[in-house]
Amino acid sequence: MLKKLGVDVCTEFWQRYASSPSELVDGKPMKNEFSNSYGTQAGVIIAEDNKRIKGSKIAWSTVTAMIWEDTCKNVDNTDPKNLKYIFRDNILNTATKSFIDKVGMGKEFKPEQEGFFALLGSVNGRG
C-alpha cells in the first residue's frame, strides 16, 4: 500500500507509545494506551495498537497529533504540516467493522467511494 502511494518504505519510522493515568472502570484500574508508528519524512502515521477506555475524554486523535508534532520537531526536525496519510493497521471495533462489511469498502478507503465520509464519522474515523 505504501509503495502504491509513492511512500518510500525505506524511510525511518519512529515507534511511539503513550498511556493515560489509570481510571477505575467497574472497580478495575484501566488506562488508555496508544502505540503508533510515525514516518515524519514520508508524512505517514500508522495506527497500530490503540486501546481507549469507553467514555474517556482522551481521544486517540488528540494524543496522536501531539506525538506527531513532537516527533517532527524534536526527533526528526521536519515540518508537522507534512502529514499526508494515516493508516489504521487493524480495526477491532465491531460497529466500524460491520459498517465496512455493509458498504463493501475492502481495505482501501478513498474520498470518491460511497461511504468514505460516513466511515470518517465512525469511532475509528473520529479517533
Protein backbone atom coordinates (compact mmCIF):
# COMPACT_ATOMS: atom_id res chain seq x y z
CA MET A 1 0.00 0.00 0.00
CA LEU A 2 2.74 2.49 0.91
CA LYS A 3 4.67 1.80 -2.31
CA LYS A 4 1.48 2.21 -4.33
CA LEU A 5 1.07 5.73 -2.87
CA GLY A 6 4.68 6.62 -3.63
CA VAL A 7 5.78 6.49 0.01
CA ASP A 8 9.43 5.50 0.44
CA VAL A 9 9.19 2.32 2.51
CA CYS A 10 12.87 2.62 3.41
CA THR A 11 12.09 5.82 5.30
CA GLU A 12 12.69 5.68 9.03
CA PHE A 13 9.59 5.21 11.17
CA TRP A 14 9.54 6.08 14.88
CA GLN A 15 7.55 3.80 17.20
CA ARG A 16 5.98 5.92 19.96
CA TYR A 17 3.82 4.85 22.90
CA ALA A 18 1.67 6.89 25.29
CA SER A 19 -0.69 5.96 28.09
CA SER A 20 -3.04 7.87 30.35
CA PRO A 21 -3.22 7.71 34.14
CA SER A 22 -5.36 4.81 35.37
CA GLU A 23 -9.11 5.30 35.72
CA LEU A 24 -11.41 2.99 37.68
CA VAL A 25 -13.84 1.15 35.42
CA ASP A 26 -16.16 -1.28 37.20
CA GLY A 27 -13.74 -1.22 40.14
CA LYS A 28 -10.73 -2.14 37.99
CA PRO A 29 -7.89 0.24 37.10
CA MET A 30 -7.78 0.82 33.34
CA LYS A 31 -5.85 3.22 31.12
CA ASN A 32 -5.85 4.46 27.56
CA GLU A 33 -2.91 3.13 25.56
CA PHE A 34 -1.74 4.43 22.19
CA SER A 35 1.01 2.78 20.14
CA ASN A 36 1.70 4.11 16.65
CA SER A 37 4.48 4.47 14.08
CA TYR A 38 5.40 7.90 12.76
CA GLY A 39 7.18 8.31 9.42
CA THR A 40 7.82 12.02 9.58
CA GLN A 41 9.93 12.23 6.40
CA ALA A 42 7.25 10.32 4.46
CA GLY A 43 4.32 12.12 6.12
CA VAL A 44 2.74 8.91 7.43
CA ILE A 45 1.16 7.79 10.71
CA ILE A 46 0.33 4.11 11.14
CA ALA A 47 -2.17 3.50 13.95
CA GLU A 48 -1.12 0.12 15.30
CA ASP A 49 -2.37 -0.81 18.76
CA ASN A 50 -4.69 1.66 20.42
CA LYS A 51 -6.96 0.97 23.36
CA ARG A 52 -9.28 3.65 24.69
CA ILE A 53 -11.44 3.34 27.79
CA LYS A 54 -15.10 3.66 26.83
CA GLY A 55 -16.28 7.12 27.83
CA SER A 56 -12.77 8.52 28.30
CA LYS A 57 -12.33 12.18 27.39
CA ILE A 58 -8.86 11.42 25.99
CA ALA A 59 -9.09 10.89 22.21
CA TRP A 60 -6.65 8.99 20.01
CA SER A 61 -6.60 11.88 17.55
CA THR A 62 -5.55 14.42 20.19
CA VAL A 63 -2.77 12.26 21.61
CA THR A 64 -1.55 11.25 18.15
CA ALA A 65 -1.48 14.87 16.93
CA MET A 66 0.64 15.90 19.93
CA ILE A 67 3.05 12.99 19.41
CA TRP A 68 3.23 13.70 15.65
CA GLU A 69 4.16 17.31 16.31
CA ASP A 70 6.72 16.36 18.98
CA THR A 71 8.29 13.69 16.75
CA CYS A 72 8.52 16.08 13.80
CA LYS A 73 10.01 18.95 15.77
CA ASN A 74 12.16 17.23 18.40
CA VAL A 75 13.16 13.87 16.92
CA ASP A 76 13.34 14.28 13.16
CA ASN A 77 13.36 18.07 12.61
CA THR A 78 10.58 18.02 9.98
CA ASP A 79 7.50 20.17 9.40
CA PRO A 80 4.38 18.73 11.11
CA LYS A 81 2.31 20.04 8.16
CA ASN A 82 3.98 17.30 6.07
CA LEU A 83 1.33 14.74 7.15
CA LYS A 84 -0.17 13.05 4.06
CA TYR A 85 -1.57 9.69 5.16
CA ILE A 86 -2.95 7.98 8.24
CA PHE A 87 -3.28 4.20 8.14
CA ARG A 88 -5.05 2.05 10.70
CA ASP A 89 -3.28 -1.29 10.93
CA ASN A 90 -6.20 -3.18 12.44
CA ILE A 91 -9.81 -2.36 13.25
CA LEU A 92 -11.27 -4.16 16.25
CA ASN A 93 -14.36 -2.01 16.84
CA THR A 94 -17.31 -4.22 15.83
CA ALA A 95 -19.55 -1.32 14.72
CA THR A 96 -16.85 0.03 12.39
CA LYS A 97 -16.06 -3.45 11.04
CA SER A 98 -19.77 -4.07 10.41
CA PHE A 99 -20.09 -0.76 8.53
CA ILE A 100 -17.10 -1.60 6.31
CA ASP A 101 -18.60 -5.01 5.54
CA LYS A 102 -22.01 -3.47 4.72
CA VAL A 103 -20.69 -0.95 2.21
CA GLY A 104 -18.09 -3.37 0.82
CA MET A 105 -15.22 -0.93 1.01
CA GLY A 106 -12.47 -3.51 1.26
CA LYS A 107 -9.16 -2.42 2.79
CA GLU A 108 -8.54 0.88 0.99
CA PHE A 109 -10.78 3.90 1.50
CA LYS A 110 -10.83 6.86 -0.88
CA PRO A 111 -12.89 10.07 -0.77
CA GLU A 112 -14.64 9.26 -4.05
CA GLN A 113 -16.03 5.97 -2.64
CA GLU A 114 -19.58 5.83 -1.39
CA GLY A 115 -19.46 5.60 2.40
CA PHE A 116 -16.00 7.19 2.77
CA PHE A 117 -17.19 10.22 4.74
CA ALA A 118 -19.60 8.09 6.76
CA LEU A 119 -16.61 5.92 7.74
CA LEU A 120 -14.79 9.06 8.92
CA GLY A 121 -17.71 9.60 11.30
CA SER A 122 -17.26 6.14 12.86
CA VAL A 123 -15.42 5.55 16.12
CA ASN A 124 -12.25 4.63 14.21
CA GLY A 125 -12.57 7.53 11.77
CA ARG A 126 -13.08 10.12 14.52
CA GLY A 127 -10.13 8.86 16.53
